[in-house]
Amino acid sequence: MYLDGEVIVSTEMAVQMATEYHWSPRDELVLYLVHGVLHLIGYDDQNDEDKRRMRTRERAALLNWNLTPHYTEPRQAENQGPSSAVS
């Protein structure tokens, strides 16, 4: 598979959001990178079903760094509507 694209992240936003969510800016940047790469390989988050799939893959990928995203909620709540996470 050939992948062509760019992931651009804002370090300033990562610092700001990391403070709000009480984890490190590095961890926030890892979340942004994982999210961006998922977009590059075809994942989307424009509707509830797509967002659920993308977040499932994000959580799985973030486990490689022993990270749990700040938006993690009980599975039932995630299926009941939008949450306030990175999209």
PDB file of N, CA and C in Angstrom:
ATOM      1  N   MET A   1       0.846  -1.172   0.000  1.00  0.00           N
ATOM      2  CA  MET A   1       0.000   0.000   0.000  1.00  0.00           C
ATOM      3  C   MET A   1       0.891   1.234   0.000  1.00  0.00           C
ATOM      4  N   TYR A   2       0.580   2.151  -0.845  1.00  0.00           N
ATOM      5  CA  TYR A   2       1.290   3.416  -0.930  1.00  0.00           C
ATOM      6  C   TYR A   2       0.421   4.480  -0.271  1.00  0.00           C
ATOM      7  N   LEU A   3       1.005   5.238   0.619  1.00  0.00           N
ATOM      8  CA  LEU A   3       0.275   6.277   1.342  1.00  0.00           C
ATOM      9  C   LEU A   3       0.916   7.612   1.036  1.00  0.00           C
ATOM     10  N   ASP A   4       0.120   8.566   0.617  1.00  0.00           N
ATOM     11  CA  ASP A   4       0.632   9.889   0.292  1.00  0.00           C
ATOM     12  C   ASP A   4      -0.252  10.928   0.962  1.00  0.00           C
ATOM     13  N   GLY A   5       0.326  11.717   1.822  1.00  0.00           N
ATOM     14  CA  GLY A   5      -0.426  12.757   2.490  1.00  0.00           C
ATOM     15  C   GLY A   5       0.399  13.390   3.586  1.00  0.00           C
ATOM     16  N   GLU A   6      -0.205  14.325   4.273  1.00  0.00           N
ATOM     17  CA  GLU A   6       0.467  15.028   5.358  1.00  0.00           C
ATOM     18  C   GLU A   6      -0.445  15.082   6.564  1.00  0.00           C
ATOM     19  N   VAL A   7       0.174  15.036   7.723  1.00  0.00           N
ATOM     20  CA  VAL A   7      -0.545  15.276   8.966  1.00  0.00           C
ATOM     21  C   VAL A   7       0.095  16.521   9.564  1.00  0.00           C
ATOM     22  N   ILE A   8      -0.693  17.538   9.740  1.00  0.00           N
ATOM     23  CA  ILE A   8      -0.208  18.794  10.309  1.00  0.00           C
ATOM     24  C   ILE A   8      -0.891  18.978  11.649  1.00  0.00           C
ATOM     25  N   VAL A   9      -0.083  19.198  12.686  1.00  0.00           N
ATOM     26  CA  VAL A   9      -0.628  19.368  14.031  1.00  0.00           C
ATOM     27  C   VAL A   9      -0.172  20.699  14.605  1.00  0.00           C
ATOM     28  N   SER A  10      -0.956  21.210  15.514  1.00  0.00           N
ATOM     29  CA  SER A  10      -0.638  22.463  16.184  1.00  0.00           C
ATOM     30  C   SER A  10      -0.088  22.170  17.573  1.00  0.00           C
ATOM     31  N   THR A  11       1.189  22.454  17.753  1.00  0.00           N
ATOM     32  CA  THR A  11       1.774  22.247  19.078  1.00  0.00           C
ATOM     33  C   THR A  11       1.172  23.201  20.100  1.00  0.00           C
ATOM     34  N   GLU A  12       0.835  24.409  19.662  1.00  0.00           N
ATOM     35  CA  GLU A  12       0.206  25.367  20.572  1.00  0.00           C
ATOM     36  C   GLU A  12      -1.141  24.840  21.066  1.00  0.00           C
ATOM     37  N   MET A  13      -1.931  24.270  20.157  1.00  0.00           N
ATOM     38  CA  MET A  13      -3.223  23.709  20.539  1.00  0.00           C
ATOM     39  C   MET A  13      -3.025  22.498  21.447  1.00  0.00           C
ATOM     40  N   ALA A  14      -2.020  21.695  21.150  1.00  0.00           N
ATOM     41  CA  ALA A  14      -1.752  20.520  21.987  1.00  0.00           C
ATOM     42  C   ALA A  14      -1.422  20.936  23.417  1.00  0.00           C
ATOM     43  N   VAL A  15      -0.625  21.970  23.579  1.00  0.00           N
ATOM     44  CA  VAL A  15      -0.290  22.453  24.926  1.00  0.00           C
ATOM     45  C   VAL A  15      -1.546  22.937  25.631  1.00  0.00           C
ATOM     46  N   GLN A  16      -2.351  23.717  24.929  1.00  0.00           N
ATOM     47  CA  GLN A  16      -3.591  24.255  25.515  1.00  0.00           C
ATOM     48  C   GLN A  16      -4.544  23.133  25.909  1.00  0.00           C
ATOM     49  N   MET A  17      -4.777  22.191  25.007  1.00  0.00           N
ATOM     50  CA  MET A  17      -5.726  21.119  25.279  1.00  0.00           C
ATOM     51  C   MET A  17      -5.192  20.149  26.335  1.00  0.00           C
ATOM     52  N   ALA A  18      -3.892  19.903  26.328  1.00  0.00           N
ATOM     53  CA  ALA A  18      -3.303  19.015  27.332  1.00  0.00           C
ATOM     54  C   ALA A  18      -3.536  19.568  28.730  1.00  0.00           C
ATOM     55  N   THR A  19      -3.410  20.861  28.887  1.00  0.00           N
ATOM     56  CA  THR A  19      -3.672  21.491  30.184  1.00  0.00           C
ATOM     57  C   THR A  19      -5.122  21.282  30.579  1.00  0.00           C
ATOM     58  N   GLU A  20      -6.015  21.472  29.637  1.00  0.00           N
ATOM     59  CA  GLU A  20      -7.446  21.308  29.915  1.00  0.00           C
ATOM     60  C   GLU A  20      -7.789  19.865  30.289  1.00  0.00           C
ATOM     61  N   TYR A  21      -7.143  18.901  29.625  1.00  0.00           N
ATOM     62  CA  TYR A  21      -7.477  17.497  29.844  1.00  0.00           C
ATOM     63  C   TYR A  21      -6.543  16.797  30.827  1.00  0.00           C
ATOM     64  N   HIS A  22      -5.602  17.542  31.399  1.00  0.00           N
ATOM     65  CA  HIS A  22      -4.730  17.025  32.457  1.00  0.00           C
ATOM     66  C   HIS A  22      -3.860  15.854  32.007  1.00  0.00           C
ATOM     67  N   TRP A  23      -3.277  15.998  30.827  1.00  0.00           N
ATOM     68  CA  TRP A  23      -2.243  15.061  30.415  1.00  0.00           C
ATOM     69  C   TRP A  23      -1.189  15.834  29.667  1.00  0.00           C
ATOM     70  N   SER A  24      -0.115  15.196  29.268  1.00  0.00           N
ATOM     71  CA  SER A  24       1.027  15.932  28.726  1.00  0.00           C
ATOM     72  C   SER A  24       0.772  16.398  27.290  1.00  0.00           C
ATOM     73  N   PRO A  25       1.433  17.494  26.891  1.00  0.00           N
ATOM     74  CA  PRO A  25       1.348  17.931  25.498  1.00  0.00           C
ATOM     75  C   PRO A  25       1.829  16.836  24.531  1.00  0.00           C
ATOM     76  N   ARG A  26       2.825  16.059  24.944  1.00  0.00           N
ATOM     77  CA  ARG A  26       3.299  14.955  24.114  1.00  0.00           C
ATOM     78  C   ARG A  26       2.164  13.963  23.851  1.00  0.00           C
ATOM     79  N   ASP A  27       1.408  13.614  24.894  1.00  0.00           N
ATOM     80  CA  ASP A  27       0.303  12.673  24.733  1.00  0.00           C
ATOM     81  C   ASP A  27      -0.778  13.249  23.826  1.00  0.00           C
ATOM     82  N   GLU A  28      -1.042  14.537  23.951  1.00  0.00           N
ATOM     83  CA  GLU A  28      -2.033  15.180  23.080  1.00  0.00           C
ATOM     84  C   GLU A  28      -1.554  15.144  21.628  1.00  0.00           C
ATOM     85  N   LEU A  29      -0.270  15.384  21.407  1.00  0.00           N
ATOM     86  CA  LEU A  29       0.278  15.317  20.046  1.00  0.00           C
ATOM     87  C   LEU A  29       0.195  13.904  19.475  1.00  0.00           C
ATOM     88  N   VAL A  30       0.440  12.912  20.298  1.00  0.00           N
ATOM     89  CA  VAL A  30       0.308  11.528  19.826  1.00  0.00           C
ATOM     90  C   VAL A  30      -1.131  11.277  19.383  1.00  0.00           C
ATOM     91  N   LEU A  31      -2.105  11.755  20.170  1.00  0.00           N
ATOM     92  CA  LEU A  31      -3.513  11.621  19.778  1.00  0.00           C
ATOM     93  C   LEU A  31      -3.757  12.289  18.430  1.00  0.00           C
ATOM     94  N   TYR A  32      -3.237  13.503  18.231  1.00  0.00           N
ATOM     95  CA  TYR A  32      -3.428  14.207  16.960  1.00  0.00           C
ATOM     96  C   TYR A  32      -2.814  13.428  15.802  1.00  0.00           C
ATOM     97  N   LEU A  33      -1.620  12.882  16.017  1.00  0.00           N
ATOM     98  CA  LEU A  33      -0.963  12.128  14.949  1.00  0.00           C
ATOM     99  C   LEU A  33      -1.736  10.860  14.591  1.00  0.00           C
ATOM    100  N   VAL A  34      -2.162  10.136  15.599  1.00  0.00           N
ATOM    101  CA  VAL A  34      -2.960   8.928  15.349  1.00  0.00           C
ATOM    102  C   VAL A  34      -4.237   9.296  14.599  1.00  0.00           C
ATOM    103  N   HIS A  35      -4.913  10.327  15.056  1.00  0.00           N
ATOM    104  CA  HIS A  35      -6.150  10.777  14.417  1.00  0.00           C
ATOM    105  C   HIS A  35      -5.893  11.154  12.948  1.00  0.00           C
ATOM    106  N   GLY A  36      -4.829  11.905  12.717  1.00  0.00           N
ATOM    107  CA  GLY A  36      -4.505  12.330  11.356  1.00  0.00           C
ATOM    108  C   GLY A  36      -4.167  11.170  10.440  1.00  0.00           C
ATOM    109  N   VAL A  37      -3.395  10.216  10.936  1.00  0.00           N
ATOM    110  CA  VAL A  37      -3.042   9.049  10.122  1.00  0.00           C
ATOM    111  C   VAL A  37      -4.293   8.235   9.806  1.00  0.00           C
ATOM    112  N   LEU A  38      -5.197   8.116  10.756  1.00  0.00           N
ATOM    113  CA  LEU A  38      -6.452   7.403  10.471  1.00  0.00           C
ATOM    114  C   LEU A  38      -7.228   8.091   9.350  1.00  0.00           C
ATOM    115  N   HIS A  39      -7.240   9.423   9.348  1.00  0.00           N
ATOM    116  CA  HIS A  39      -7.879  10.132   8.227  1.00  0.00           C
ATOM    117  C   HIS A  39      -7.181   9.781   6.915  1.00  0.00           C
ATOM    118  N   LEU A  40      -5.847   9.748   6.925  1.00  0.00           N
ATOM    119  CA  LEU A  40      -5.102   9.450   5.701  1.00  0.00           C
ATOM    120  C   LEU A  40      -5.417   8.062   5.143  1.00  0.00           C
ATOM    121  N   ILE A  41      -5.705   7.117   6.026  1.00  0.00           N
ATOM    122  CA  ILE A  41      -5.975   5.762   5.528  1.00  0.00           C
ATOM    123  C   ILE A  41      -7.463   5.502   5.311  1.00  0.00           C
ATOM    124  N   GLY A  42      -8.274   6.570   5.412  1.00  0.00           N
ATOM    125  CA  GLY A  42      -9.669   6.448   5.001  1.00  0.00           C
ATOM    126  C   GLY A  42     -10.720   6.539   6.081  1.00  0.00           C
ATOM    127  N   TYR A  43     -10.324   6.684   7.329  1.00  0.00           N
ATOM    128  CA  TYR A  43     -11.320   6.826   8.389  1.00  0.00           C
ATOM    129  C   TYR A  43     -11.860   8.246   8.389  1.00  0.00           C
ATOM    130  N   ASP A  44     -13.098   8.372   8.834  1.00  0.00           N
ATOM    131  CA  ASP A  44     -13.740   9.680   8.902  1.00  0.00           C
ATOM    132  C   ASP A  44     -14.460   9.784  10.228  1.00  0.00           C
ATOM    133  N   ASP A  45     -14.902  10.973  10.572  1.00  0.00           N
ATOM    134  CA  ASP A  45     -15.614  11.170  11.833  1.00  0.00           C
ATOM    135  C   ASP A  45     -16.734  12.194  11.675  1.00  0.00           C
ATOM    136  N   GLN A  46     -17.366  12.166  10.511  1.00  0.00           N
ATOM    137  CA  GLN A  46     -18.414  13.141  10.219  1.00  0.00           C
ATOM    138  C   GLN A  46     -19.795  12.740  10.717  1.00  0.00           C
ATOM    139  N   ASN A  47     -19.996  11.477  11.029  1.00  0.00           N
ATOM    140  CA  ASN A  47     -21.264  11.056  11.604  1.00  0.00           C
ATOM    141  C   ASN A  47     -20.982  10.141  12.787  1.00  0.00           C
ATOM    142  N   ASP A  48     -22.005   9.830  13.562  1.00  0.00           N
ATOM    143  CA  ASP A  48     -21.816   9.072  14.801  1.00  0.00           C
ATOM    144  C   ASP A  48     -21.186   7.701  14.571  1.00  0.00           C
ATOM    145  N   GLU A  49     -21.617   6.994  13.540  1.00  0.00           N
ATOM    146  CA  GLU A  49     -21.079   5.658  13.272  1.00  0.00           C
ATOM    147  C   GLU A  49     -19.601   5.730  12.872  1.00  0.00           C
ATOM    148  N   ASP A  50     -19.268   6.657  11.974  1.00  0.00           N
ATOM    149  CA  ASP A  50     -17.870   6.825  11.571  1.00  0.00           C
ATOM    150  C   ASP A  50     -17.007   7.253  12.753  1.00  0.00           C
ATOM    151  N   LYS A  51     -17.532   8.155  13.571  1.00  0.00           N
ATOM    152  CA  LYS A  51     -16.788   8.622  14.740  1.00  0.00           C
ATOM    153  C   LYS A  51     -16.538   7.468  15.710  1.00  0.00           C
ATOM    154  N   ARG A  52     -17.527   6.603  15.893  1.00  0.00           N
ATOM    155  CA  ARG A  52     -17.368   5.454  16.776  1.00  0.00           C
ATOM    156  C   ARG A  52     -16.251   4.542  16.273  1.00  0.00           C
ATOM    157  N   ARG A  53     -16.249   4.265  14.949  1.00  0.00           N
ATOM    158  CA  ARG A  53     -15.210   3.420  14.365  1.00  0.00           C
ATOM    159  C   ARG A  53     -13.825   4.050  14.521  1.00  0.00           C
ATOM    160  N   MET A  54     -13.751   5.353  14.252  1.00  0.00           N
ATOM    161  CA  MET A  54     -12.465   6.034  14.344  1.00  0.00           C
ATOM    162  C   MET A  54     -11.953   6.033  15.779  1.00  0.00           C
ATOM    163  N   ARG A  55     -12.811   6.311  16.724  1.00  0.00           N
ATOM    164  CA  ARG A  55     -12.384   6.335  18.129  1.00  0.00           C
ATOM    165  C   ARG A  55     -11.958   4.952  18.610  1.00  0.00           C
ATOM    166  N   THR A  56     -12.621   3.921  18.131  1.00  0.00           N
ATOM    167  CA  THR A  56     -12.215   2.556  18.480  1.00  0.00           C
ATOM    168  C   THR A  56     -10.789   2.310  17.998  1.00  0.00           C
ATOM    169  N   ARG A  57     -10.487   2.707  16.767  1.00  0.00           N
ATOM    170  CA  ARG A  57      -9.138   2.541  16.220  1.00  0.00           C
ATOM    171  C   ARG A  57      -8.137   3.437  16.938  1.00  0.00           C
ATOM    172  N   GLU A  58      -8.544   4.659  17.294  1.00  0.00           N
ATOM    173  CA  GLU A  58      -7.649   5.541  18.057  1.00  0.00           C
ATOM    174  C   GLU A  58      -7.270   4.898  19.384  1.00  0.00           C
ATOM    175  N   ARG A  59      -8.268   4.417  20.107  1.00  0.00           N
ATOM    176  CA  ARG A  59      -7.991   3.795  21.405  1.00  0.00           C
ATOM    177  C   ARG A  59      -7.039   2.617  21.254  1.00  0.00           C
ATOM    178  N   ALA A  60      -7.266   1.795  20.234  1.00  0.00           N
ATOM    179  CA  ALA A  60      -6.396   0.637  20.004  1.00  0.00           C
ATOM    180  C   ALA A  60      -4.965   1.089  19.709  1.00  0.00           C
ATOM    181  N   ALA A  61      -4.809   2.086  18.866  1.00  0.00           N
ATOM    182  CA  ALA A  61      -3.470   2.579  18.519  1.00  0.00           C
ATOM    183  C   ALA A  61      -2.787   3.225  19.728  1.00  0.00           C
ATOM    184  N   LEU A  62      -3.534   4.006  20.493  1.00  0.00           N
ATOM    185  CA  LEU A  62      -2.950   4.696  21.644  1.00  0.00           C
ATOM    186  C   LEU A  62      -2.470   3.739  22.728  1.00  0.00           C
ATOM    187  N   LEU A  63      -3.015   2.534  22.750  1.00  0.00           N
ATOM    188  CA  LEU A  63      -2.540   1.533  23.709  1.00  0.00           C
ATOM    189  C   LEU A  63      -1.063   1.215  23.502  1.00  0.00           C
ATOM    190  N   ASN A  64      -0.550   1.431  22.287  1.00  0.00           N
ATOM    191  CA  ASN A  64       0.877   1.213  22.023  1.00  0.00           C
ATOM    192  C   ASN A  64       1.755   2.130  22.865  1.00  0.00           C
ATOM    193  N   TRP A  65       1.198   3.242  23.310  1.00  0.00           N
ATOM    194  CA  TRP A  65       1.918   4.191  24.162  1.00  0.00           C
ATOM    195  C   TRP A  65       1.338   4.190  25.580  1.00  0.00           C
ATOM    196  N   ASN A  66       0.534   3.182  25.885  1.00  0.00           N
ATOM    197  CA  ASN A  66      -0.138   3.099  27.193  1.00  0.00           C
ATOM    198  C   ASN A  66      -0.960   4.351  27.488  1.00  0.00           C
ATOM    199  N   LEU A  67      -1.615   4.868  26.465  1.00  0.00           N
ATOM    200  CA  LEU A  67      -2.443   6.066  26.609  1.00  0.00           C
ATOM    201  C   LEU A  67      -3.917   5.716  26.479  1.00  0.00           C
ATOM    202  N   THR A  68      -4.717   6.381  27.271  1.00  0.00           N
ATOM    203  CA  THR A  68      -6.165   6.314  27.160  1.00  0.00           C
ATOM    204  C   THR A  68      -6.624   7.727  26.831  1.00  0.00           C
ATOM    205  N   PRO A  69      -7.291   7.915  25.701  1.00  0.00           N
ATOM    206  CA  PRO A  69      -7.670   9.282  25.312  1.00  0.00           C
ATOM    207  C   PRO A  69      -8.595   9.928  26.332  1.00  0.00           C
ATOM    208  N   HIS A  70      -8.473  11.236  26.445  1.00  0.00           N
ATOM    209  CA  HIS A  70      -9.260  11.987  27.420  1.00  0.00           C
ATOM    210  C   HIS A  70     -10.747  11.933  27.137  1.00  0.00           C
ATOM    211  N   TYR A  71     -11.149  11.600  25.934  1.00  0.00           N
ATOM    212  CA  TYR A  71     -12.571  11.546  25.612  1.00  0.00           C
ATOM    213  C   TYR A  71     -13.195  10.199  25.936  1.00  0.00           C
ATOM    214  N   THR A  72     -12.403   9.255  26.432  1.00  0.00           N
ATOM    215  CA  THR A  72     -12.939   7.927  26.710  1.00  0.00           C
ATOM    216  C   THR A  72     -14.076   8.027  27.713  1.00  0.00           C
ATOM    217  N   GLU A  73     -15.176   7.441  27.323  1.00  0.00           N
ATOM    218  CA  GLU A  73     -16.395   7.446  28.128  1.00  0.00           C
ATOM    219  C   GLU A  73     -16.895   6.018  28.182  1.00  0.00           C
ATOM    220  N   PRO A  74     -17.844   5.749  29.032  1.00  0.00           N
ATOM    221  CA  PRO A  74     -18.448   4.421  28.980  1.00  0.00           C
ATOM    222  C   PRO A  74     -18.961   4.130  27.577  1.00  0.00           C
ATOM    223  N   ARG A  75     -18.813   2.913  27.117  1.00  0.00           N
ATOM    224  CA  ARG A  75     -19.197   2.532  25.753  1.00  0.00           C
ATOM    225  C   ARG A  75     -20.650   2.897  25.450  1.00  0.00           C
ATOM    226  N   GLN A  76     -21.549   2.758  26.410  1.00  0.00           N
ATOM    227  CA  GLN A  76     -22.955   3.088  26.159  1.00  0.00           C
ATOM    228  C   GLN A  76     -23.111   4.554  25.824  1.00  0.00           C
ATOM    229  N   ALA A  77     -22.478   5.423  26.571  1.00  0.00           N
ATOM    230  CA  ALA A  77     -22.607   6.860  26.323  1.00  0.00           C
ATOM    231  C   ALA A  77     -22.059   7.208  24.946  1.00  0.00           C
ATOM    232  N   GLU A  78     -20.979   6.550  24.530  1.00  0.00           N
ATOM    233  CA  GLU A  78     -20.400   6.834  23.233  1.00  0.00           C
ATOM    234  C   GLU A  78     -21.376   6.520  22.107  1.00  0.00           C
ATOM    235  N   ASN A  79     -22.181   5.492  22.286  1.00  0.00           N
ATOM    236  CA  ASN A  79     -23.138   5.102  21.241  1.00  0.00           C
ATOM    237  C   ASN A  79     -24.420   5.926  21.285  1.00  0.00           C
ATOM    238  N   GLN A  80     -24.595   6.734  22.333  1.00  0.00           N
ATOM    239  CA  GLN A  80     -25.835   7.478  22.446  1.00  0.00           C
ATOM    240  C   GLN A  80     -25.763   8.866  21.842  1.00  0.00           C
ATOM    241  N   GLY A  81     -24.614   9.306  21.427  1.00  0.00           N
ATOM    242  CA  GLY A  81     -24.563  10.617  20.817  1.00  0.00           C
ATOM    243  C   GLY A  81     -23.161  11.145  20.788  1.00  0.00           C
ATOM    244  N   PRO A  82     -23.004  12.364  20.263  1.00  0.00           N
ATOM    245  CA  PRO A  82     -21.674  12.935  20.118  1.00  0.00           C
ATOM    246  C   PRO A  82     -21.072  13.272  21.471  1.00  0.00           C
ATOM    247  N   SER A  83     -19.758  13.251  21.513  1.00  0.00           N
ATOM    248  CA  SER A  83     -19.038  13.665  22.708  1.00  0.00           C
ATOM    249  C   SER A  83     -18.156  14.844  22.365  1.00  0.00           C
ATOM    250  N   SER A  84     -17.404  15.306  23.328  1.00  0.00           N
ATOM    251  CA  SER A  84     -16.663  16.536  23.142  1.00  0.00           C
ATOM    252  C   SER A  84     -15.207  16.314  22.805  1.00  0.00           C
ATOM    253  N   ALA A  85     -14.874  15.263  22.131  1.00  0.00           N
ATOM    254  CA  ALA A  85     -13.484  14.939  21.868  1.00  0.00           C
ATOM    255  C   ALA A  85     -12.965  15.569  20.594  1.00  0.00           C
ATOM    256  N   VAL A  86     -11.714  15.298  20.353  1.00  0.00           N
ATOM    257  CA  VAL A  86     -11.080  15.701  19.118  1.00  0.00           C
ATOM    258  C   VAL A  86     -11.812  15.044  17.972  1.00  0.00           C
ATOM    259  N   SER A  87     -12.088  15.800  16.918  1.00  0.00           N
ATOM    260  CA  SER A  87     -12.724  15.175  15.753  1.00  0.00           C
ATOM    261  C   SER A  87     -11.957  15.428  14.502  1.00  0.00           C
TER     262      SER A  87
END
